[in-house]
């Protein structure tokens, strides 16, 4: 889950290491606006025009008089595609009408053609920009300038729920690849793409994915798995990454039980002492969901 930077600073200044205590149902993120001081879920940002915090909020469109966020992104993209098509059609009709009928005012005819061309070019540039980020990259407006992401991974240590903190630079945690990003924005099946009012899966399942609000990229899941493999944990669920059918396919769990050797029978070191593994750079096709339950062999 997303974590505010001041939690990282507090953890670094303390002696406990890269973790903070986790309070159930209390997210480590808070809105910076006094009117909205509630705890924020992942990818929730403030809309100053509406005075509200909205999930996956991109911007407020003055042309449509609506906020572009989780529930309206799909419909907004269809409008963004329609605008350049409408501009091209208007240009074609204008040229045809001017060529077919004799218009004495030549400057007026030139102004109509020039205005249609400019409208078409502006629409194309805006459409490419919005579609590329919202649909293909799964990046919204407030996230474009984020250089480093601070995420927290929940685990149990000696009966206490903690959040392991880790920063990631240069990579977006929710960029699932072009194909999966399109499924996230437009719908799981191709026939759902034909209807702008058909909400994609992530709208109804926001906040209901196992252990996260929205599916993480594979490299985030691999980092979390590697981290949980090197620290002593109890009853920790490692969730799979985004899969092309993760919303419909049944989830299978495989239990693994391991017994510590006599060399590790002593009291384990705290999680803060274990070095955090670096985030893997290469992607991996295989995705699994594991649930680990480690127990000490000593009585």
C-alpha atoms as a PDB file:
ATOM      1  CA  UNK A   1       0.000   0.000   0.000  1.00  0.00           C
ATOM      2  CA  UNK A   2       1.054   3.597  -0.537  1.00  0.00           C
ATOM      3  CA  UNK A   3       2.759   5.283   2.400  1.00  0.00           C
ATOM      4  CA  UNK A   4       3.362   8.973   3.108  1.00  0.00           C
ATOM      5  CA  UNK A   5       6.976  10.098   3.070  1.00  0.00           C
ATOM      6  CA  UNK A   6       6.945  11.289   6.678  1.00  0.00           C
ATOM      7  CA  UNK A   7       6.459   7.685   7.827  1.00  0.00           C
ATOM      8  CA  UNK A   8       9.677   6.803   6.009  1.00  0.00           C
ATOM      9  CA  UNK A   9      11.493   9.687   7.672  1.00  0.00           C
ATOM     10  CA  UNK A  10      10.227   8.645  11.093  1.00  0.00           C
ATOM     11  CA  UNK A  11      11.322   5.052  10.519  1.00  0.00           C
ATOM     12  CA  UNK A  12      14.789   6.106   9.350  1.00  0.00           C
ATOM     13  CA  UNK A  13      15.267   8.416  12.328  1.00  0.00           C
ATOM     14  CA  UNK A  14      14.262   5.718  14.786  1.00  0.00           C
ATOM     15  CA  UNK A  15      16.271   2.631  15.673  1.00  0.00           C
ATOM     16  CA  UNK A  16      13.677   0.091  14.583  1.00  0.00           C
ATOM     17  CA  UNK A  17      14.637   0.018  10.888  1.00  0.00           C
ATOM     18  CA  UNK A  18      12.543  -0.119   7.728  1.00  0.00           C
ATOM     19  CA  UNK A  19       9.165  -0.788   9.302  1.00  0.00           C
ATOM     20  CA  UNK A  20       6.356   0.942  11.142  1.00  0.00           C
ATOM     21  CA  UNK A  21       3.536  -0.441  13.291  1.00  0.00           C
ATOM     22  CA  UNK A  22       0.350  -1.040  11.334  1.00  0.00           C
ATOM     23  CA  UNK A  23      -3.027  -0.047  12.724  1.00  0.00           C
ATOM     24  CA  UNK A  24      -5.873  -2.065  11.252  1.00  0.00           C
ATOM     25  CA  UNK A  25      -8.112  -0.051   8.919  1.00  0.00           C
ATOM     26  CA  UNK A  26      -5.888   3.020   9.328  1.00  0.00           C
ATOM     27  CA  UNK A  27      -3.977   3.695   6.138  1.00  0.00           C
ATOM     28  CA  UNK A  28      -0.515   5.304   6.339  1.00  0.00           C
ATOM     29  CA  UNK A  29      -1.664   8.054   3.949  1.00  0.00           C
ATOM     30  CA  UNK A  30      -3.538  11.254   4.680  1.00  0.00           C
ATOM     31  CA  UNK A  31      -4.837  14.056   2.466  1.00  0.00           C
ATOM     32  CA  UNK A  32      -2.845  17.279   2.633  1.00  0.00           C
ATOM     33  CA  UNK A  33      -5.986  19.399   2.342  1.00  0.00           C
ATOM     34  CA  UNK A  34      -7.552  20.501   5.661  1.00  0.00           C
ATOM     35  CA  UNK A  35     -11.080  19.837   4.399  1.00  0.00           C
ATOM     36  CA  UNK A  36     -10.229  16.205   3.615  1.00  0.00           C
ATOM     37  CA  UNK A  37      -8.052  14.850   6.398  1.00  0.00           C
ATOM     38  CA  UNK A  38      -9.301  11.297   6.038  1.00  0.00           C
ATOM     39  CA  UNK A  39      -7.033   8.293   5.540  1.00  0.00           C
ATOM     40  CA  UNK A  40      -6.445   7.629   1.843  1.00  0.00           C
ATOM     41  CA  UNK A  41      -6.393   4.336  -0.006  1.00  0.00           C
ATOM     42  CA  UNK A  42      -3.991   3.597  -2.852  1.00  0.00           C
ATOM     43  CA  UNK A  43      -4.058   5.994  -5.804  1.00  0.00           C
ATOM     44  CA  UNK A  44      -6.580   8.337  -4.162  1.00  0.00           C
ATOM     45  CA  UNK A  45      -5.970  12.031  -4.874  1.00  0.00           C
ATOM     46  CA  UNK A  46      -7.739  15.298  -4.139  1.00  0.00           C
ATOM     47  CA  UNK A  47      -9.944  17.118  -6.656  1.00  0.00           C
ATOM     48  CA  UNK A  48      -9.838  20.803  -5.778  1.00  0.00           C
ATOM     49  CA  UNK A  49     -12.776  21.602  -8.065  1.00  0.00           C
ATOM     50  CA  UNK A  50     -15.118  19.197  -6.267  1.00  0.00           C
ATOM     51  CA  UNK A  51     -13.387  19.352  -2.891  1.00  0.00           C
ATOM     52  CA  UNK A  52     -13.279  15.562  -2.640  1.00  0.00           C
ATOM     53  CA  UNK A  53     -10.745  12.746  -2.640  1.00  0.00           C
ATOM     54  CA  UNK A  54     -11.327  10.428  -5.602  1.00  0.00           C
ATOM     55  CA  UNK A  55      -9.755   7.042  -6.444  1.00  0.00           C
ATOM     56  CA  UNK A  56      -7.478   6.961  -9.526  1.00  0.00           C
ATOM     57  CA  UNK A  57      -8.152  10.680 -10.066  1.00  0.00           C
ATOM     58  CA  UNK A  58      -6.566  12.220 -13.179  1.00  0.00           C
ATOM     59  CA  UNK A  59      -8.016  15.716 -13.630  1.00  0.00           C
ATOM     60  CA  UNK A  60     -11.212  17.746 -13.838  1.00  0.00           C
ATOM     61  CA  UNK A  61     -12.386  18.217 -17.426  1.00  0.00           C
ATOM     62  CA  UNK A  62     -13.983  21.640 -17.851  1.00  0.00           C
ATOM     63  CA  UNK A  63     -15.246  20.666 -21.320  1.00  0.00           C
ATOM     64  CA  UNK A  64     -17.285  17.751 -19.951  1.00  0.00           C
ATOM     65  CA  UNK A  65     -17.872  19.350 -16.529  1.00  0.00           C
ATOM     66  CA  UNK A  66     -16.845  16.112 -14.856  1.00  0.00           C
ATOM     67  CA  UNK A  67     -13.949  14.645 -12.919  1.00  0.00           C
ATOM     68  CA  UNK A  68     -11.887  12.029 -14.724  1.00  0.00           C
ATOM     69  CA  UNK A  69     -11.299   9.279 -12.176  1.00  0.00           C
ATOM     70  CA  UNK A  70     -11.827   5.551 -11.636  1.00  0.00           C
ATOM     71  CA  UNK A  71     -15.491   5.451 -12.670  1.00  0.00           C
ATOM     72  CA  UNK A  72     -15.303   7.902 -15.583  1.00  0.00           C
ATOM     73  CA  UNK A  73     -11.941   7.141 -17.211  1.00  0.00           C
ATOM     74  CA  UNK A  74     -13.401   4.679 -19.713  1.00  0.00           C
ATOM     75  CA  UNK A  75     -16.141   7.059 -20.890  1.00  0.00           C
ATOM     76  CA  UNK A  76     -13.629   9.921 -21.043  1.00  0.00           C
ATOM     77  CA  UNK A  77     -11.332   7.906 -23.311  1.00  0.00           C
ATOM     78  CA  UNK A  78     -14.197   7.260 -25.711  1.00  0.00           C
ATOM     79  CA  UNK A  79     -14.854  11.006 -25.877  1.00  0.00           C
ATOM     80  CA  UNK A  80     -11.138  11.604 -26.459  1.00  0.00           C
ATOM     81  CA  UNK A  81     -11.252   9.200 -29.408  1.00  0.00           C
ATOM     82  CA  UNK A  82     -14.424  10.771 -30.786  1.00  0.00           C
ATOM     83  CA  UNK A  83     -13.064  14.346 -30.831  1.00  0.00           C
ATOM     84  CA  UNK A  84     -10.359  13.857 -33.514  1.00  0.00           C
ATOM     85  CA  UNK A  85     -12.774  11.765 -35.576  1.00  0.00           C
ATOM     86  CA  UNK A  86     -15.287  14.590 -35.375  1.00  0.00           C
ATOM     87  CA  UNK A  87     -12.580  17.120 -36.322  1.00  0.00           C
ATOM     88  CA  UNK A  88     -11.581  15.085 -39.385  1.00  0.00           C
ATOM     89  CA  UNK A  89     -15.212  14.724 -40.420  1.00  0.00           C
ATOM     90  CA  UNK A  90     -15.816  18.464 -40.003  1.00  0.00           C
ATOM     91  CA  UNK A  91     -12.734  19.240 -42.089  1.00  0.00           C
ATOM     92  CA  UNK A  92     -13.855  16.892 -44.852  1.00  0.00           C
ATOM     93  CA  UNK A  93     -17.366  18.359 -44.935  1.00  0.00           C
ATOM     94  CA  UNK A  94     -15.995  21.925 -44.982  1.00  0.00           C
ATOM     95  CA  UNK A  95     -13.626  21.216 -47.858  1.00  0.00           C
ATOM     96  CA  UNK A  96     -16.347  19.413 -49.798  1.00  0.00           C
ATOM     97  CA  UNK A  97     -18.824  22.259 -49.315  1.00  0.00           C
ATOM     98  CA  UNK A  98     -16.309  24.922 -50.331  1.00  0.00           C
ATOM     99  CA  UNK A  99     -15.279  22.962 -53.404  1.00  0.00           C
ATOM    100  CA  UNK A 100     -18.829  22.184 -54.515  1.00  0.00           C
ATOM    101  CA  UNK A 101     -20.354  25.604 -54.013  1.00  0.00           C
ATOM    102  CA  UNK A 102     -18.878  28.873 -55.188  1.00  0.00           C
ATOM    103  CA  UNK A 103     -18.110  31.030 -52.158  1.00  0.00           C
ATOM    104  CA  UNK A 104     -17.180  34.621 -53.031  1.00  0.00           C
ATOM    105  CA  UNK A 105     -15.462  35.299 -49.710  1.00  0.00           C
ATOM    106  CA  UNK A 106     -12.146  33.478 -50.168  1.00  0.00           C
ATOM    107  CA  UNK A 107     -10.669  34.642 -46.818  1.00  0.00           C
ATOM    108  CA  UNK A 108     -13.698  33.179 -45.049  1.00  0.00           C
ATOM    109  CA  UNK A 109     -13.176  29.856 -46.786  1.00  0.00           C
ATOM    110  CA  UNK A 110      -9.518  29.812 -45.805  1.00  0.00           C
ATOM    111  CA  UNK A 111     -10.398  30.574 -42.189  1.00  0.00           C
ATOM    112  CA  UNK A 112     -12.834  27.652 -42.067  1.00  0.00           C
ATOM    113  CA  UNK A 113     -10.267  25.215 -43.427  1.00  0.00           C
ATOM    114  CA  UNK A 114      -7.476  26.513 -41.181  1.00  0.00           C
ATOM    115  CA  UNK A 115      -9.708  26.355 -38.098  1.00  0.00           C
ATOM    116  CA  UNK A 116     -10.731  22.779 -38.871  1.00  0.00           C
ATOM    117  CA  UNK A 117      -7.096  21.746 -39.360  1.00  0.00           C
ATOM    118  CA  UNK A 118      -6.032  23.336 -36.072  1.00  0.00           C
ATOM    119  CA  UNK A 119      -8.928  21.698 -34.228  1.00  0.00           C
ATOM    120  CA  UNK A 120      -7.970  18.339 -35.685  1.00  0.00           C
ATOM    121  CA  UNK A 121      -4.289  18.699 -34.716  1.00  0.00           C
ATOM    122  CA  UNK A 122      -5.074  19.831 -31.166  1.00  0.00           C
ATOM    123  CA  UNK A 123      -7.554  16.992 -30.736  1.00  0.00           C
ATOM    124  CA  UNK A 124      -5.036  14.459 -31.995  1.00  0.00           C
ATOM    125  CA  UNK A 125      -2.307  15.697 -29.644  1.00  0.00           C
ATOM    126  CA  UNK A 126      -4.594  15.707 -26.614  1.00  0.00           C
ATOM    127  CA  UNK A 127      -6.023  12.325 -27.524  1.00  0.00           C
ATOM    128  CA  UNK A 128      -2.603  10.719 -27.910  1.00  0.00           C
ATOM    129  CA  UNK A 129      -1.417  12.158 -24.613  1.00  0.00           C
ATOM    130  CA  UNK A 130      -4.460  11.037 -22.635  1.00  0.00           C
ATOM    131  CA  UNK A 131      -4.841   7.622 -24.228  1.00  0.00           C
ATOM    132  CA  UNK A 132      -1.143   6.813 -23.872  1.00  0.00           C
ATOM    133  CA  UNK A 133      -1.008   7.571 -20.158  1.00  0.00           C
ATOM    134  CA  UNK A 134      -4.490   6.532 -19.013  1.00  0.00           C
ATOM    135  CA  UNK A 135      -5.005   3.433 -21.158  1.00  0.00           C
ATOM    136  CA  UNK A 136      -1.582   2.110 -22.176  1.00  0.00           C
ATOM    137  CA  UNK A 137       0.568   3.129 -19.181  1.00  0.00           C
ATOM    138  CA  UNK A 138      -2.057   3.204 -16.391  1.00  0.00           C
ATOM    139  CA  UNK A 139      -0.599   6.500 -15.151  1.00  0.00           C
ATOM    140  CA  UNK A 140      -2.817   9.347 -13.950  1.00  0.00           C
ATOM    141  CA  UNK A 141      -2.051  13.058 -13.724  1.00  0.00           C
ATOM    142  CA  UNK A 142      -0.810  13.319 -10.109  1.00  0.00           C
ATOM    143  CA  UNK A 143       1.518  10.348 -10.669  1.00  0.00           C
ATOM    144  CA  UNK A 144       3.420  11.606 -13.712  1.00  0.00           C
ATOM    145  CA  UNK A 145       5.961  13.571 -11.699  1.00  0.00           C
ATOM    146  CA  UNK A 146       6.466  10.977  -8.963  1.00  0.00           C
ATOM    147  CA  UNK A 147      10.145  10.023  -9.016  1.00  0.00           C
ATOM    148  CA  UNK A 148      10.128   7.456  -6.222  1.00  0.00           C
ATOM    149  CA  UNK A 149       7.291   5.377  -4.835  1.00  0.00           C
ATOM    150  CA  UNK A 150       7.075   4.467  -1.159  1.00  0.00           C
ATOM    151  CA  UNK A 151       5.157   1.254  -0.540  1.00  0.00           C
ATOM    152  CA  UNK A 152       4.400  -0.696   2.602  1.00  0.00           C
ATOM    153  CA  UNK A 153       4.050  -4.482   2.811  1.00  0.00           C
ATOM    154  CA  UNK A 154       2.092  -5.915   5.714  1.00  0.00           C
ATOM    155  CA  UNK A 155       3.414  -8.845   7.741  1.00  0.00           C
ATOM    156  CA  UNK A 156       3.239 -10.294  11.259  1.00  0.00           C
ATOM    157  CA  UNK A 157       6.183 -10.331  13.646  1.00  0.00           C
ATOM    158  CA  UNK A 158       5.761 -11.842  17.123  1.00  0.00           C
ATOM    159  CA  UNK A 159       2.046 -11.187  17.116  1.00  0.00           C
ATOM    160  CA  UNK A 160       2.443  -7.586  15.944  1.00  0.00           C
ATOM    161  CA  UNK A 161       1.294  -6.432  12.518  1.00  0.00           C
ATOM    162  CA  UNK A 162       3.922  -4.294  10.814  1.00  0.00           C
ATOM    163  CA  UNK A 163       4.508  -2.536   7.526  1.00  0.00           C
ATOM    164  CA  UNK A 164       7.832  -3.060   5.798  1.00  0.00           C
ATOM    165  CA  UNK A 165       8.736   0.143   3.923  1.00  0.00           C
ATOM    166  CA  UNK A 166      10.542   0.221   0.612  1.00  0.00           C
ATOM    167  CA  UNK A 167      11.128   2.878  -2.037  1.00  0.00           C
ATOM    168  CA  UNK A 168      11.082   2.173  -5.775  1.00  0.00           C
ATOM    169  CA  UNK A 169      12.505   4.632  -8.284  1.00  0.00           C
ATOM    170  CA  UNK A 170      11.783   4.974 -11.977  1.00  0.00           C
ATOM    171  CA  UNK A 171       9.045   2.338 -12.187  1.00  0.00           C
ATOM    172  CA  UNK A 172       5.304   2.601 -11.712  1.00  0.00           C
ATOM    173  CA  UNK A 173       3.931  -0.030  -9.296  1.00  0.00           C
ATOM    174  CA  UNK A 174       0.598  -0.297 -11.129  1.00  0.00           C
ATOM    175  CA  UNK A 175       1.907  -0.410 -14.701  1.00  0.00           C
ATOM    176  CA  UNK A 176       0.918  -3.966 -15.655  1.00  0.00           C
ATOM    177  CA  UNK A 177       1.977  -3.821 -19.287  1.00  0.00           C
ATOM    178  CA  UNK A 178       0.039  -2.497 -22.278  1.00  0.00           C
ATOM    179  CA  UNK A 179      -2.237  -5.514 -22.708  1.00  0.00           C
ATOM    180  CA  UNK A 180      -3.247  -5.845 -19.059  1.00  0.00           C
ATOM    181  CA  UNK A 181      -3.546  -2.060 -18.655  1.00  0.00           C
ATOM    182  CA  UNK A 182      -6.110  -1.998 -21.462  1.00  0.00           C
ATOM    183  CA  UNK A 183      -8.052  -4.777 -19.756  1.00  0.00           C
ATOM    184  CA  UNK A 184      -7.942  -2.824 -16.505  1.00  0.00           C
ATOM    185  CA  UNK A 185      -9.325   0.338 -18.124  1.00  0.00           C
ATOM    186  CA  UNK A 186     -11.720  -0.976 -20.793  1.00  0.00           C
ATOM    187  CA  UNK A 187     -12.837  -4.392 -19.550  1.00  0.00           C
ATOM    188  CA  UNK A 188     -11.753  -8.009 -19.255  1.00  0.00           C
ATOM    189  CA  UNK A 189     -13.360  -9.122 -22.553  1.00  0.00           C
ATOM    190  CA  UNK A 190     -13.283  -7.468 -25.960  1.00  0.00           C
ATOM    191  CA  UNK A 191     -17.058  -7.183 -26.220  1.00  0.00           C
ATOM    192  CA  UNK A 192     -17.078  -5.085 -23.044  1.00  0.00           C
ATOM    193  CA  UNK A 193     -14.932  -2.535 -24.845  1.00  0.00           C
ATOM    194  CA  UNK A 194     -17.820  -1.713 -27.197  1.00  0.00           C
ATOM    195  CA  UNK A 195     -19.960  -0.167 -24.455  1.00  0.00           C
ATOM    196  CA  UNK A 196     -18.648   2.933 -22.725  1.00  0.00           C
ATOM    197  CA  UNK A 197     -21.072   2.477 -19.818  1.00  0.00           C
ATOM    198  CA  UNK A 198     -19.826  -1.049 -19.042  1.00  0.00           C
ATOM    199  CA  UNK A 199     -17.538  -0.556 -16.064  1.00  0.00           C
ATOM    200  CA  UNK A 200     -14.301  -2.581 -15.984  1.00  0.00           C
ATOM    201  CA  UNK A 201     -13.495  -5.037 -13.248  1.00  0.00           C
ATOM    202  CA  UNK A 202     -11.263  -2.724 -11.244  1.00  0.00           C
ATOM    203  CA  UNK A 203     -14.185  -0.354 -10.554  1.00  0.00           C
ATOM    204  CA  UNK A 204     -16.267  -2.925  -8.684  1.00  0.00           C
ATOM    205  CA  UNK A 205     -13.263  -4.638  -7.100  1.00  0.00           C
ATOM    206  CA  UNK A 206     -11.357  -1.571  -5.977  1.00  0.00           C
ATOM    207  CA  UNK A 207     -10.225  -2.171  -2.413  1.00  0.00           C
ATOM    208  CA  UNK A 208     -11.333  -5.813  -2.550  1.00  0.00           C
ATOM    209  CA  UNK A 209      -8.247  -7.409  -4.083  1.00  0.00           C
ATOM    210  CA  UNK A 210      -6.410  -9.652  -1.637  1.00  0.00           C
ATOM    211  CA  UNK A 211      -3.957  -7.512   0.301  1.00  0.00           C
ATOM    212  CA  UNK A 212      -4.154  -4.477  -1.977  1.00  0.00           C
ATOM    213  CA  UNK A 213      -6.555  -1.974  -3.517  1.00  0.00           C
ATOM    214  CA  UNK A 214      -5.457  -2.557  -7.124  1.00  0.00           C
ATOM    215  CA  UNK A 215      -3.250  -5.241  -8.734  1.00  0.00           C
ATOM    216  CA  UNK A 216       0.480  -4.591  -8.489  1.00  0.00           C
ATOM    217  CA  UNK A 217       2.980  -5.068 -11.273  1.00  0.00           C
ATOM    218  CA  UNK A 218       4.852  -8.375 -11.298  1.00  0.00           C
ATOM    219  CA  UNK A 219       8.144  -6.882 -10.128  1.00  0.00           C
ATOM    220  CA  UNK A 220       6.448  -5.516  -6.994  1.00  0.00           C
ATOM    221  CA  UNK A 221       5.024  -8.942  -6.196  1.00  0.00           C
ATOM    222  CA  UNK A 222       8.434 -10.545  -6.724  1.00  0.00           C
ATOM    223  CA  UNK A 223      10.072  -8.040  -4.395  1.00  0.00           C
ATOM    224  CA  UNK A 224       7.470  -8.714  -1.743  1.00  0.00           C
ATOM    225  CA  UNK A 225       7.903 -12.460  -2.133  1.00  0.00           C
ATOM    226  CA  UNK A 226      11.693 -12.223  -1.868  1.00  0.00           C
ATOM    227  CA  UNK A 227      11.401 -10.037   1.214  1.00  0.00           C
ATOM    228  CA  UNK A 228       9.025 -12.405   2.969  1.00  0.00           C
ATOM    229  CA  UNK A 229      11.322 -15.330   2.186  1.00  0.00           C
ATOM    230  CA  UNK A 230      14.222 -13.877   4.176  1.00  0.00           C
ATOM    231  CA  UNK A 231      12.449 -12.665   7.315  1.00  0.00           C
ATOM    232  CA  UNK A 232      10.804 -14.816  10.014  1.00  0.00           C
ATOM    233  CA  UNK A 233       7.080 -14.418   9.533  1.00  0.00           C
ATOM    234  CA  UNK A 234       3.916 -16.025  10.834  1.00  0.00           C
ATOM    235  CA  UNK A 235       0.782 -16.513   8.714  1.00  0.00           C
ATOM    236  CA  UNK A 236       1.685 -14.189   5.865  1.00  0.00           C
ATOM    237  CA  UNK A 237      -0.184 -14.369   2.580  1.00  0.00           C
ATOM    238  CA  UNK A 238       1.744 -13.573  -0.582  1.00  0.00           C
ATOM    239  CA  UNK A 239      -0.665 -12.490  -3.286  1.00  0.00           C
ATOM    240  CA  UNK A 240      -0.107 -13.076  -6.952  1.00  0.00           C
ATOM    241  CA  UNK A 241       0.444 -10.318  -9.459  1.00  0.00           C
ATOM    242  CA  UNK A 242      -1.921  -9.229 -12.163  1.00  0.00           C
ATOM    243  CA  UNK A 243      -2.869 -12.136 -14.400  1.00  0.00           C
ATOM    244  CA  UNK A 244      -4.797 -11.882 -17.675  1.00  0.00           C
ATOM    245  CA  UNK A 245      -7.743 -13.629 -16.004  1.00  0.00           C
ATOM    246  CA  UNK A 246      -7.108 -12.753 -12.383  1.00  0.00           C
ATOM    247  CA  UNK A 247     -10.610 -11.405 -11.953  1.00  0.00           C
ATOM    248  CA  UNK A 248     -12.422 -14.510 -13.093  1.00  0.00           C
ATOM    249  CA  UNK A 249     -10.209 -17.513 -12.572  1.00  0.00           C
ATOM    250  CA  UNK A 250     -10.523 -19.285  -9.206  1.00  0.00           C
ATOM    251  CA  UNK A 251      -7.714 -18.615  -6.784  1.00  0.00           C
ATOM    252  CA  UNK A 252      -5.778 -21.689  -5.692  1.00  0.00           C
ATOM    253  CA  UNK A 253      -3.552 -21.684  -2.684  1.00  0.00           C
ATOM    254  CA  UNK A 254      -0.725 -23.998  -1.994  1.00  0.00           C
ATOM    255  CA  UNK A 255       0.404 -24.386   1.595  1.00  0.00           C
ATOM    256  CA  UNK A 256       4.035 -24.858   2.350  1.00  0.00           C
ATOM    257  CA  UNK A 257       5.304 -25.720   5.786  1.00  0.00           C
ATOM    258  CA  UNK A 258       8.930 -25.595   6.716  1.00  0.00           C
ATOM    259  CA  UNK A 259      10.699 -26.542   9.919  1.00  0.00           C
ATOM    260  CA  UNK A 260      13.630 -24.471  11.047  1.00  0.00           C
ATOM    261  CA  UNK A 261      16.883 -26.368  11.423  1.00  0.00           C
ATOM    262  CA  UNK A 262      18.613 -26.584  14.769  1.00  0.00           C
ATOM    263  CA  UNK A 263      20.931 -23.793  13.739  1.00  0.00           C
ATOM    264  CA  UNK A 264      17.902 -21.525  13.462  1.00  0.00           C
ATOM    265  CA  UNK A 265      16.135 -22.812  16.544  1.00  0.00           C
ATOM    266  CA  UNK A 266      17.204 -19.793  18.527  1.00  0.00           C
ATOM    267  CA  UNK A 267      15.088 -16.679  18.704  1.00  0.00           C
ATOM    268  CA  UNK A 268      14.972 -15.099  15.222  1.00  0.00           C
ATOM    269  CA  UNK A 269      16.385 -11.662  14.624  1.00  0.00           C
ATOM    270  CA  UNK A 270      13.860  -8.850  14.188  1.00  0.00           C
ATOM    271  CA  UNK A 271      12.691  -8.060  10.691  1.00  0.00           C
ATOM    272  CA  UNK A 272      14.543  -4.761  10.737  1.00  0.00           C
ATOM    273  CA  UNK A 273      17.884  -6.576  10.848  1.00  0.00           C
ATOM    274  CA  UNK A 274      17.225  -8.521   7.670  1.00  0.00           C
ATOM    275  CA  UNK A 275      18.410  -6.677   4.567  1.00  0.00           C
ATOM    276  CA  UNK A 276      15.668  -5.897   2.101  1.00  0.00           C
ATOM    277  CA  UNK A 277      16.254  -7.538  -1.289  1.00  0.00           C
ATOM    278  CA  UNK A 278      16.442  -5.284  -4.333  1.00  0.00           C
ATOM    279  CA  UNK A 279      13.470  -5.134  -6.650  1.00  0.00           C
ATOM    280  CA  UNK A 280      13.958  -7.487  -9.630  1.00  0.00           C
ATOM    281  CA  UNK A 281      14.474  -5.748 -12.932  1.00  0.00           C
ATOM    282  CA  UNK A 282      13.316  -8.399 -15.386  1.00  0.00           C
ATOM    283  CA  UNK A 283       9.701  -9.506 -15.668  1.00  0.00           C
ATOM    284  CA  UNK A 284       8.558 -13.058 -15.091  1.00  0.00           C
ATOM    285  CA  UNK A 285       5.640 -14.786 -16.751  1.00  0.00           C
ATOM    286  CA  UNK A 286       4.858 -17.267 -13.997  1.00  0.00           C
ATOM    287  CA  UNK A 287       2.678 -16.026 -11.179  1.00  0.00           C
ATOM    288  CA  UNK A 288       1.757 -17.958  -8.060  1.00  0.00           C
ATOM    289  CA  UNK A 289      -0.108 -17.329  -4.859  1.00  0.00           C
ATOM    290  CA  UNK A 290       1.423 -18.751  -1.707  1.00  0.00           C
ATOM    291  CA  UNK A 291       0.571 -18.691   1.937  1.00  0.00           C
ATOM    292  CA  UNK A 292       3.457 -19.194   4.319  1.00  0.00           C
ATOM    293  CA  UNK A 293       3.214 -20.326   7.886  1.00  0.00           C
ATOM    294  CA  UNK A 294       6.599 -20.521   9.579  1.00  0.00           C
ATOM    295  CA  UNK A 295       6.977 -22.005  13.015  1.00  0.00           C
ATOM    296  CA  UNK A 296       9.944 -22.653  15.221  1.00  0.00           C
ATOM    297  CA  UNK A 297      10.902 -26.213  15.963  1.00  0.00           C
ATOM    298  CA  UNK A 298      12.044 -25.350  19.473  1.00  0.00           C
ATOM    299  CA  UNK A 299       9.549 -25.776  22.327  1.00  0.00           C
END
